[in-house]
PDB file of N, CA and C in Angstrom:
ATOM      1  N   MET A   1      -7.307 -21.184  68.307  1.00  0.00           N
ATOM      2  CA  MET A   1      -6.248 -21.711  69.148  1.00  0.00           C
ATOM      3  C   MET A   1      -5.139 -20.674  69.291  1.00  0.00           C
ATOM      4  N   HIS A   2      -4.793 -20.034  68.187  1.00  0.00           N
ATOM      5  CA  HIS A   2      -3.744 -19.010  68.207  1.00  0.00           C
ATOM      6  C   HIS A   2      -4.048 -17.953  69.272  1.00  0.00           C
ATOM      7  N   ASP A   3      -5.250 -17.399  69.204  1.00  0.00           N
ATOM      8  CA  ASP A   3      -5.628 -16.349  70.147  1.00  0.00           C
ATOM      9  C   ASP A   3      -5.614 -16.866  71.582  1.00  0.00           C
ATOM     10  N   ARG A   4      -6.122 -18.068  71.776  1.00  0.00           N
ATOM     11  CA  ARG A   4      -6.170 -18.637  73.117  1.00  0.00           C
ATOM     12  C   ARG A   4      -4.770 -18.837  73.690  1.00  0.00           C
ATOM     13  N   LEU A   5      -3.858 -19.362  72.882  1.00  0.00           N
ATOM     14  CA  LEU A   5      -2.502 -19.603  73.372  1.00  0.00           C
ATOM     15  C   LEU A   5      -1.802 -18.299  73.730  1.00  0.00           C
ATOM     16  N   PHE A   6      -2.024 -17.256  72.945  1.00  0.00           N
ATOM     17  CA  PHE A   6      -1.430 -15.970  73.284  1.00  0.00           C
ATOM     18  C   PHE A   6      -2.043 -15.389  74.558  1.00  0.00           C
ATOM     19  N   GLN A   7      -3.321 -15.646  74.780  1.00  0.00           N
ATOM     20  CA  GLN A   7      -3.975 -15.157  75.995  1.00  0.00           C
ATOM     21  C   GLN A   7      -3.520 -15.918  77.236  1.00  0.00           C
ATOM     22  N   HIS A   8      -3.018 -17.139  77.061  1.00  0.00           N
ATOM     23  CA  HIS A   8      -2.644 -17.992  78.191  1.00  0.00           C
ATOM     24  C   HIS A   8      -1.181 -18.409  78.116  1.00  0.00           C
ATOM     25  N   GLN A   9      -0.309 -17.482  77.758  1.00  0.00           N
ATOM     26  CA  GLN A   9       1.099 -17.798  77.563  1.00  0.00           C
ATOM     27  C   GLN A   9       1.782 -18.367  78.800  1.00  0.00           C
ATOM     28  N   LYS A  10       1.304 -18.036  79.964  1.00  0.00           N
ATOM     29  CA  LYS A  10       1.946 -18.528  81.189  1.00  0.00           C
ATOM     30  C   LYS A  10       1.408 -19.881  81.624  1.00  0.00           C
ATOM     31  N   ALA A  11       0.424 -20.386  80.895  1.00  0.00           N
ATOM     32  CA  ALA A  11      -0.167 -21.688  81.244  1.00  0.00           C
ATOM     33  C   ALA A  11      -0.491 -22.453  79.965  1.00  0.00           C
ATOM     34  N   LEU A  12       0.542 -22.799  79.207  1.00  0.00           N
ATOM     35  CA  LEU A  12       0.314 -23.481  77.933  1.00  0.00           C
ATOM     36  C   LEU A  12      -0.006 -24.964  78.103  1.00  0.00           C
ATOM     37  N   GLU A  13       0.580 -25.584  79.089  1.00  0.00           N
ATOM     38  CA  GLU A  13       0.341 -27.017  79.277  1.00  0.00           C
ATOM     39  C   GLU A  13      -0.660 -27.229  80.403  1.00  0.00           C
ATOM     40  N   PRO A  14      -1.501 -28.197  80.304  1.00  0.00           N
ATOM     41  CA  PRO A  14      -1.585 -29.198  79.250  1.00  0.00           C
ATOM     42  C   PRO A  14      -2.286 -28.632  78.010  1.00  0.00           C
ATOM     43  N   TRP A  15      -1.757 -28.975  76.855  1.00  0.00           N
ATOM     44  CA  TRP A  15      -2.276 -28.488  75.589  1.00  0.00           C
ATOM     45  C   TRP A  15      -3.730 -28.897  75.365  1.00  0.00           C
ATOM     46  N   ASN A  16      -4.078 -30.107  75.776  1.00  0.00           N
ATOM     47  CA  ASN A  16      -5.436 -30.594  75.516  1.00  0.00           C
ATOM     48  C   ASN A  16      -6.489 -29.781  76.264  1.00  0.00           C
ATOM     49  N   GLY A  17      -6.105 -29.099  77.323  1.00  0.00           N
ATOM     50  CA  GLY A  17      -7.045 -28.226  78.031  1.00  0.00           C
ATOM     51  C   GLY A  17      -7.510 -27.082  77.141  1.00  0.00           C
ATOM     52  N   HIS A  18      -6.621 -26.591  76.312  1.00  0.00           N
ATOM     53  CA  HIS A  18      -6.988 -25.519  75.383  1.00  0.00           C
ATOM     54  C   HIS A  18      -7.906 -26.054  74.288  1.00  0.00           C
ATOM     55  N   ALA A  19      -7.589 -27.253  73.806  1.00  0.00           N
ATOM     56  CA  ALA A  19      -8.436 -27.870  72.786  1.00  0.00           C
ATOM     57  C   ALA A  19      -9.852 -28.071  73.332  1.00  0.00           C
ATOM     58  N   GLU A  20      -9.932 -28.546  74.552  1.00  0.00           N
ATOM     59  CA  GLU A  20     -11.239 -28.784  75.181  1.00  0.00           C
ATOM     60  C   GLU A  20     -12.001 -27.469  75.356  1.00  0.00           C
ATOM     61  N   ALA A  21     -11.305 -26.430  75.820  1.00  0.00           N
ATOM     62  CA  ALA A  21     -11.953 -25.138  76.035  1.00  0.00           C
ATOM     63  C   ALA A  21     -12.512 -24.553  74.738  1.00  0.00           C
ATOM     64  N   LEU A  22     -11.887 -24.911  73.616  1.00  0.00           N
ATOM     65  CA  LEU A  22     -12.347 -24.402  72.318  1.00  0.00           C
ATOM     66  C   LEU A  22     -13.378 -25.305  71.658  1.00  0.00           C
ATOM     67  N   GLY A  23     -13.699 -26.412  72.321  1.00  0.00           N
ATOM     68  CA  GLY A  23     -14.695 -27.318  71.772  1.00  0.00           C
ATOM     69  C   GLY A  23     -14.164 -28.234  70.683  1.00  0.00           C
ATOM     70  N   LEU A  24     -12.843 -28.413  70.640  1.00  0.00           N
ATOM     71  CA  LEU A  24     -12.260 -29.317  69.645  1.00  0.00           C
ATOM     72  C   LEU A  24     -12.433 -30.768  70.081  1.00  0.00           C
ATOM     73  N   ASP A  25     -12.296 -31.663  69.153  1.00  0.00           N
ATOM     74  CA  ASP A  25     -12.282 -33.092  69.455  1.00  0.00           C
ATOM     75  C   ASP A  25     -10.923 -33.374  70.085  1.00  0.00           C
ATOM     76  N   VAL A  26     -10.899 -33.522  71.408  1.00  0.00           N
ATOM     77  CA  VAL A  26      -9.647 -33.641  72.150  1.00  0.00           C
ATOM     78  C   VAL A  26      -8.861 -34.879  71.727  1.00  0.00           C
ATOM     79  N   ALA A  27      -9.527 -35.989  71.481  1.00  0.00           N
ATOM     80  CA  ALA A  27      -8.827 -37.204  71.060  1.00  0.00           C
ATOM     81  C   ALA A  27      -8.106 -36.979  69.727  1.00  0.00           C
ATOM     82  N   LYS A  28      -8.766 -36.350  68.781  1.00  0.00           N
ATOM     83  CA  LYS A  28      -8.133 -36.067  67.483  1.00  0.00           C
ATOM     84  C   LYS A  28      -7.000 -35.057  67.642  1.00  0.00           C
ATOM     85  N   PHE A  29      -7.191 -34.084  68.506  1.00  0.00           N
ATOM     86  CA  PHE A  29      -6.153 -33.081  68.762  1.00  0.00           C
ATOM     87  C   PHE A  29      -4.904 -33.762  69.333  1.00  0.00           C
ATOM     88  N   GLU A  30      -5.100 -34.613  70.338  1.00  0.00           N
ATOM     89  CA  GLU A  30      -3.965 -35.313  70.949  1.00  0.00           C
ATOM     90  C   GLU A  30      -3.276 -36.236  69.948  1.00  0.00           C
ATOM     91  N   GLU A  31      -4.065 -36.911  69.118  1.00  0.00           N
ATOM     92  CA  GLU A  31      -3.504 -37.797  68.096  1.00  0.00           C
ATOM     93  C   GLU A  31      -2.620 -37.002  67.137  1.00  0.00           C
ATOM     94  N   CYS A  32      -3.100 -35.858  66.698  1.00  0.00           N
ATOM     95  CA  CYS A  32      -2.337 -35.008  65.787  1.00  0.00           C
ATOM     96  C   CYS A  32      -1.058 -34.514  66.465  1.00  0.00           C
ATOM     97  N   LEU A  33      -1.188 -34.048  67.698  1.00  0.00           N
ATOM     98  CA  LEU A  33      -0.042 -33.516  68.423  1.00  0.00           C
ATOM     99  C   LEU A  33       1.017 -34.590  68.652  1.00  0.00           C
ATOM    100  N   GLU A  34       0.582 -35.768  69.052  1.00  0.00           N
ATOM    101  CA  GLU A  34       1.511 -36.858  69.361  1.00  0.00           C
ATOM    102  C   GLU A  34       2.099 -37.511  68.111  1.00  0.00           C
ATOM    103  N   SER A  35       1.458 -37.346  66.964  1.00  0.00           N
ATOM    104  CA  SER A  35       1.945 -37.981  65.747  1.00  0.00           C
ATOM    105  C   SER A  35       3.272 -37.392  65.286  1.00  0.00           C
ATOM    106  N   GLY A  36       3.502 -36.126  65.622  1.00  0.00           N
ATOM    107  CA  GLY A  36       4.734 -35.468  65.199  1.00  0.00           C
ATOM    108  C   GLY A  36       4.763 -35.140  63.715  1.00  0.00           C
ATOM    109  N   ARG A  37       3.634 -35.255  63.038  1.00  0.00           N
ATOM    110  CA  ARG A  37       3.632 -35.058  61.586  1.00  0.00           C
ATOM    111  C   ARG A  37       4.003 -33.647  61.152  1.00  0.00           C
ATOM    112  N   HIS A  38       3.915 -32.690  62.035  1.00  0.00           N
ATOM    113  CA  HIS A  38       4.274 -31.314  61.681  1.00  0.00           C
ATOM    114  C   HIS A  38       5.577 -30.856  62.339  1.00  0.00           C
ATOM    115  N   THR A  39       6.203 -31.741  63.090  1.00  0.00           N
ATOM    116  CA  THR A  39       7.413 -31.386  63.841  1.00  0.00           C
ATOM    117  C   THR A  39       8.526 -30.881  62.941  1.00  0.00           C
ATOM    118  N   ALA A  40       8.810 -31.575  61.848  1.00  0.00           N
ATOM    119  CA  ALA A  40       9.910 -31.167  60.961  1.00  0.00           C
ATOM    120  C   ALA A  40       9.662 -29.772  60.386  1.00  0.00           C
ATOM    121  N   ALA A  41       8.433 -29.488  59.990  1.00  0.00           N
ATOM    122  CA  ALA A  41       8.123 -28.172  59.418  1.00  0.00           C
ATOM    123  C   ALA A  41       8.291 -27.073  60.466  1.00  0.00           C
ATOM    124  N   VAL A  42       7.827 -27.326  61.681  1.00  0.00           N
ATOM    125  CA  VAL A  42       7.949 -26.330  62.750  1.00  0.00           C
ATOM    126  C   VAL A  42       9.420 -26.093  63.080  1.00  0.00           C
ATOM    127  N   ARG A  43      10.177 -27.165  63.217  1.00  0.00           N
ATOM    128  CA  ARG A  43      11.611 -27.011  63.528  1.00  0.00           C
ATOM    129  C   ARG A  43      12.354 -26.312  62.392  1.00  0.00           C
ATOM    130  N   GLY A  44      11.958 -26.589  61.159  1.00  0.00           N
ATOM    131  CA  GLY A  44      12.562 -25.910  60.012  1.00  0.00           C
ATOM    132  C   GLY A  44      12.300 -24.414  60.047  1.00  0.00           C
ATOM    133  N   ASP A  45      11.055 -24.047  60.344  1.00  0.00           N
ATOM    134  CA  ASP A  45      10.715 -22.623  60.464  1.00  0.00           C
ATOM    135  C   ASP A  45      11.505 -21.962  61.593  1.00  0.00           C
ATOM    136  N   MET A  46      11.654 -22.684  62.703  1.00  0.00           N
ATOM    137  CA  MET A  46      12.414 -22.148  63.839  1.00  0.00           C
ATOM    138  C   MET A  46      13.882 -21.942  63.458  1.00  0.00           C
ATOM    139  N   ALA A  47      14.448 -22.873  62.716  1.00  0.00           N
ATOM    140  CA  ALA A  47      15.849 -22.766  62.297  1.00  0.00           C
ATOM    141  C   ALA A  47      16.060 -21.562  61.381  1.00  0.00           C
ATOM    142  N   VAL A  48      15.144 -21.353  60.453  1.00  0.00           N
ATOM    143  CA  VAL A  48      15.244 -20.195  59.553  1.00  0.00           C
ATOM    144  C   VAL A  48      15.147 -18.901  60.365  1.00  0.00           C
ATOM    145  N   ALA A  49      14.207 -18.855  61.281  1.00  0.00           N
ATOM    146  CA  ALA A  49      14.032 -17.657  62.106  1.00  0.00           C
ATOM    147  C   ALA A  49      15.299 -17.367  62.913  1.00  0.00           C
ATOM    148  N   GLN A  50      15.876 -18.384  63.521  1.00  0.00           N
ATOM    149  CA  GLN A  50      17.101 -18.191  64.296  1.00  0.00           C
ATOM    150  C   GLN A  50      18.252 -17.750  63.406  1.00  0.00           C
ATOM    151  N   ALA A  51      18.322 -18.292  62.201  1.00  0.00           N
ATOM    152  CA  ALA A  51      19.411 -17.948  61.284  1.00  0.00           C
ATOM    153  C   ALA A  51      19.381 -16.480  60.884  1.00  0.00           C
ATOM    154  N   VAL A  52      18.188 -15.897  60.800  1.00  0.00           N
ATOM    155  CA  VAL A  52      18.094 -14.489  60.420  1.00  0.00           C
ATOM    156  C   VAL A  52      18.010 -13.558  61.628  1.00  0.00           C
ATOM    157  N   GLY A  53      18.076 -14.124  62.825  1.00  0.00           N
ATOM    158  CA  GLY A  53      18.103 -13.299  64.020  1.00  0.00           C
ATOM    159  C   GLY A  53      16.764 -13.043  64.668  1.00  0.00           C
ATOM    160  N   ALA A  54      15.728 -13.739  64.231  1.00  0.00           N
ATOM    161  CA  ALA A  54      14.415 -13.578  64.864  1.00  0.00           C
ATOM    162  C   ALA A  54      14.398 -14.451  66.112  1.00  0.00           C
ATOM    163  N   THR A  55      14.610 -13.836  67.240  1.00  0.00           N
ATOM    164  CA  THR A  55      14.694 -14.577  68.489  1.00  0.00           C
ATOM    165  C   THR A  55      13.402 -14.542  69.294  1.00  0.00           C
ATOM    166  N   GLY A  56      12.414 -13.854  68.789  1.00  0.00           N
ATOM    167  CA  GLY A  56      11.148 -13.774  69.504  1.00  0.00           C
ATOM    168  C   GLY A  56      10.083 -13.181  68.614  1.00  0.00           C
ATOM    169  N   THR A  57       8.938 -12.992  69.194  1.00  0.00           N
ATOM    170  CA  THR A  57       7.848 -12.396  68.449  1.00  0.00           C
ATOM    171  C   THR A  57       7.456 -11.092  69.123  1.00  0.00           C
ATOM    172  N   PRO A  58       7.081 -10.139  68.327  1.00  0.00           N
ATOM    173  CA  PRO A  58       7.069 -10.166  66.874  1.00  0.00           C
ATOM    174  C   PRO A  58       8.445  -9.828  66.311  1.00  0.00           C
ATOM    175  N   SER A  59       8.684 -10.255  65.105  1.00  0.00           N
ATOM    176  CA  SER A  59       9.867  -9.891  64.328  1.00  0.00           C
ATOM    177  C   SER A  59       9.392  -9.570  62.917  1.00  0.00           C
ATOM    178  N   PHE A  60       9.998  -8.577  62.316  1.00  0.00           N
ATOM    179  CA  PHE A  60       9.561  -8.130  60.994  1.00  0.00           C
ATOM    180  C   PHE A  60      10.763  -7.965  60.073  1.00  0.00           C
ATOM    181  N   VAL A  61      10.618  -8.419  58.849  1.00  0.00           N
ATOM    182  CA  VAL A  61      11.616  -8.200  57.812  1.00  0.00           C
ATOM    183  C   VAL A  61      10.963  -7.328  56.753  1.00  0.00           C
ATOM    184  N   LEU A  62      11.608  -6.215  56.458  1.00  0.00           N
ATOM    185  CA  LEU A  62      11.112  -5.333  55.409  1.00  0.00           C
ATOM    186  C   LEU A  62      11.988  -5.530  54.184  1.00  0.00           C
ATOM    187  N   GLY A  63      11.359  -5.715  53.044  1.00  0.00           N
ATOM    188  CA  GLY A  63      12.122  -5.923  51.835  1.00  0.00           C
ATOM    189  C   GLY A  63      11.339  -5.470  50.619  1.00  0.00           C
ATOM    190  N   LEU A  64      12.045  -5.400  49.510  1.00  0.00           N
ATOM    191  CA  LEU A  64      11.438  -5.024  48.237  1.00  0.00           C
ATOM    192  C   LEU A  64      11.609  -6.159  47.252  1.00  0.00           C
ATOM    193  N   THR A  65      10.609  -6.345  46.412  1.00  0.00           N
ATOM    194  CA  THR A  65      10.742  -7.350  45.362  1.00  0.00           C
ATOM    195  C   THR A  65      11.542  -6.761  44.208  1.00  0.00           C
ATOM    196  N   ASP A  66      12.258  -7.627  43.527  1.00  0.00           N
ATOM    197  CA  ASP A  66      13.030  -7.246  42.350  1.00  0.00           C
ATOM    198  C   ASP A  66      12.050  -7.022  41.200  1.00  0.00           C
ATOM    199  N   PRO A  67      12.032  -5.833  40.592  1.00  0.00           N
ATOM    200  CA  PRO A  67      11.073  -5.579  39.510  1.00  0.00           C
ATOM    201  C   PRO A  67      11.261  -6.509  38.317  1.00  0.00           C
ATOM    202  N   ASP A  68      12.492  -7.015  38.126  1.00  0.00           N
ATOM    203  CA  ASP A  68      12.757  -7.922  37.019  1.00  0.00           C
ATOM    204  C   ASP A  68      12.388  -9.368  37.344  1.00  0.00           C
ATOM    205  N   ASP A  69      12.348  -9.689  38.625  1.00  0.00           N
ATOM    206  CA  ASP A  69      12.001 -11.043  39.051  1.00  0.00           C
ATOM    207  C   ASP A  69      11.284 -10.956  40.394  1.00  0.00           C
ATOM    208  N   PRO A  70       9.950 -10.863  40.369  1.00  0.00           N
ATOM    209  CA  PRO A  70       9.186 -10.679  41.611  1.00  0.00           C
ATOM    210  C   PRO A  70       9.346 -11.814  42.624  1.00  0.00           C
ATOM    211  N   LYS A  71       9.979 -12.923  42.227  1.00  0.00           N
ATOM    212  CA  LYS A  71      10.219 -14.009  43.184  1.00  0.00           C
ATOM    213  C   LYS A  71      11.442 -13.725  44.052  1.00  0.00           C
ATOM    214  N   LYS A  72      12.229 -12.746  43.658  1.00  0.00           N
ATOM    215  CA  LYS A  72      13.417 -12.368  44.430  1.00  0.00           C
ATOM    216  C   LYS A  72      13.078 -11.179  45.318  1.00  0.00           C
ATOM    217  N   VAL A  73      13.510 -11.266  46.558  1.00  0.00           N
ATOM    218  CA  VAL A  73      13.262 -10.192  47.512  1.00  0.00           C
ATOM    219  C   VAL A  73      14.598  -9.717  48.054  1.00  0.00           C
ATOM    220  N   LYS A  74      14.757  -8.417  48.086  1.00  0.00           N
ATOM    221  CA  LYS A  74      15.953  -7.806  48.643  1.00  0.00           C
ATOM    222  C   LYS A  74      15.627  -7.423  50.082  1.00  0.00           C
ATOM    223  N   GLY A  75      16.243  -8.120  51.043  1.00  0.00           N
ATOM    224  CA  GLY A  75      16.004  -7.808  52.449  1.00  0.00           C
ATOM    225  C   GLY A  75      16.671  -6.501  52.804  1.00  0.00           C
ATOM    226  N   LEU A  76      15.939  -5.629  53.392  1.00  0.00           N
ATOM    227  CA  LEU A  76      16.484  -4.307  53.665  1.00  0.00           C
ATOM    228  C   LEU A  76      16.678  -4.020  55.144  1.00  0.00           C
ATOM    229  N   SER A  77      15.752  -4.449  55.946  1.00  0.00           N
ATOM    230  CA  SER A  77      15.902  -4.197  57.379  1.00  0.00           C
ATOM    231  C   SER A  77      15.102  -5.212  58.185  1.00  0.00           C
ATOM    232  N   PHE A  78      15.506  -5.327  59.420  1.00  0.00           N
ATOM    233  CA  PHE A  78      14.918  -6.293  60.327  1.00  0.00           C
ATOM    234  C   PHE A  78      14.543  -5.549  61.597  1.00  0.00           C
ATOM    235  N   LEU A  79      13.290  -5.668  62.001  1.00  0.00           N
ATOM    236  CA  LEU A  79      12.827  -5.025  63.234  1.00  0.00           C
ATOM    237  C   LEU A  79      12.467  -6.109  64.244  1.00  0.00           C
ATOM    238  N   ARG A  80      13.065  -6.029  65.413  1.00  0.00           N
ATOM    239  CA  ARG A  80      12.797  -7.010  66.466  1.00  0.00           C
ATOM    240  C   ARG A  80      11.898  -6.393  67.538  1.00  0.00           C
ATOM    241  N   GLY A  81      10.936  -7.170  67.961  1.00  0.00           N
ATOM    242  CA  GLY A  81      10.067  -6.727  69.039  1.00  0.00           C
ATOM    243  C   GLY A  81       9.008  -5.742  68.584  1.00  0.00           C
ATOM    244  N   ALA A  82       8.126  -5.433  69.504  1.00  0.00           N
ATOM    245  CA  ALA A  82       7.066  -4.463  69.223  1.00  0.00           C
ATOM    246  C   ALA A  82       7.717  -3.100  69.023  1.00  0.00           C
ATOM    247  N   GLN A  83       7.367  -2.455  67.940  1.00  0.00           N
ATOM    248  CA  GLN A  83       7.964  -1.165  67.595  1.00  0.00           C
ATOM    249  C   GLN A  83       6.868  -0.135  67.365  1.00  0.00           C
ATOM    250  N   PRO A  84       7.163   1.113  67.628  1.00  0.00           N
ATOM    251  CA  PRO A  84       6.189   2.160  67.345  1.00  0.00           C
ATOM    252  C   PRO A  84       6.120   2.435  65.839  1.00  0.00           C
ATOM    253  N   TYR A  85       5.069   3.088  65.438  1.00  0.00           N
ATOM    254  CA  TYR A  85       4.865   3.460  64.045  1.00  0.00           C
ATOM    255  C   TYR A  85       6.097   4.153  63.466  1.00  0.00           C
ATOM    256  N   ALA A  86       6.706   5.035  64.230  1.00  0.00           N
ATOM    257  CA  ALA A  86       7.852   5.815  63.741  1.00  0.00           C
ATOM    258  C   ALA A  86       9.002   4.911  63.306  1.00  0.00           C
ATOM    259  N   SER A  87       9.208   3.807  63.986  1.00  0.00           N
ATOM    260  CA  SER A  87      10.283   2.883  63.606  1.00  0.00           C
ATOM    261  C   SER A  87       9.998   2.237  62.259  1.00  0.00           C
ATOM    262  N   PHE A  88       8.755   1.825  62.052  1.00  0.00           N
ATOM    263  CA  PHE A  88       8.386   1.233  60.763  1.00  0.00           C
ATOM    264  C   PHE A  88       8.484   2.281  59.652  1.00  0.00           C
ATOM    265  N   LYS A  89       7.999   3.478  59.933  1.00  0.00           N
ATOM    266  CA  LYS A  89       8.044   4.536  58.921  1.00  0.00           C
ATOM    267  C   LYS A  89       9.480   4.832  58.526  1.00  0.00           C
ATOM    268  N   ALA A  90      10.378   4.934  59.489  1.00  0.00           N
ATOM    269  CA  ALA A  90      11.781   5.221  59.192  1.00  0.00           C
ATOM    270  C   ALA A  90      12.399   4.108  58.353  1.00  0.00           C
ATOM    271  N   ALA A  91      12.119   2.853  58.705  1.00  0.00           N
ATOM    272  CA  ALA A  91      12.671   1.716  57.966  1.00  0.00           C
ATOM    273  C   ALA A  91      12.116   1.673  56.539  1.00  0.00           C
ATOM    274  N   ILE A  92      10.837   1.920  56.391  1.00  0.00           N
ATOM    275  CA  ILE A  92      10.218   1.904  55.052  1.00  0.00           C
ATOM    276  C   ILE A  92      10.733   3.075  54.221  1.00  0.00           C
ATOM    277  N   ASP A  93      10.789   4.260  54.813  1.00  0.00           N
ATOM    278  CA  ASP A  93      11.298   5.426  54.084  1.00  0.00           C
ATOM    279  C   ASP A  93      12.745   5.196  53.646  1.00  0.00           C
ATOM    280  N   SER A  94      13.554   4.604  54.510  1.00  0.00           N
ATOM    281  CA  SER A  94      14.948   4.309  54.172  1.00  0.00           C
ATOM    282  C   SER A  94      15.024   3.301  53.030  1.00  0.00           C
ATOM    283  N   ALA A  95      14.215   2.268  53.090  1.00  0.00           N
ATOM    284  CA  ALA A  95      14.210   1.253  52.033  1.00  0.00           C
ATOM    285  C   ALA A  95      13.814   1.862  50.704  1.00  0.00           C
ATOM    286  N   LEU A  96      12.811   2.691  50.720  1.00  0.00           N
ATOM    287  CA  LEU A  96      12.344   3.300  49.476  1.00  0.00           C
ATOM    288  C   LEU A  96      13.377   4.277  48.919  1.00  0.00           C
ATOM    289  N   SER A  97      14.069   4.999  49.774  1.00  0.00           N
ATOM    290  CA  SER A  97      15.080   5.949  49.279  1.00  0.00           C
ATOM    291  C   SER A  97      16.307   5.186  48.770  1.00  0.00           C
ATOM    292  N   ASP A  98      16.678   4.080  49.412  1.00  0.00           N
ATOM    293  CA  ASP A  98      17.794   3.252  48.928  1.00  0.00           C
ATOM    294  C   ASP A  98      17.468   2.669  47.567  1.00  0.00           C
ATOM    295  N   ASP A  99      16.214   2.275  47.376  1.00  0.00           N
ATOM    296  CA  ASP A  99      15.792   1.646  46.112  1.00  0.00           C
ATOM    297  C   ASP A  99      15.784   2.665  44.978  1.00  0.00           C
ATOM    298  N   ALA A 100      15.563   3.933  45.303  1.00  0.00           N
ATOM    299  CA  ALA A 100      15.497   4.974  44.272  1.00  0.00           C
ATOM    300  C   ALA A 100      16.882   5.300  43.715  1.00  0.00           C
ATOM    301  N   ASP A 101      17.927   4.951  44.454  1.00  0.00           N
ATOM    302  CA  ASP A 101      19.304   5.264  44.012  1.00  0.00           C
ATOM    303  C   ASP A 101      19.707   4.508  42.784  1.00  0.00           C
TER     304      ASP A 101
END
């Protein structure tokens, strides 16, 4: 479904057409979609993304884990949009040199 939706970004609706094209059980798909059971999680993810400045896809956050507590991550840089290799390399090299200080 992910791949199909990205391939058909200009024609997302009706959603059940995509389910049918993929051979899904359309009735179950519609039931799941209409139930709203995942709405809160999706909206929560959207709120977090907006709070950190991710306004579109792709967005990337580069960070390092704390060696003393691997559950903690130090956010170092944020890359918005499709970027060339050089942008990622510069951000990673900068993060690694900052961490060495």
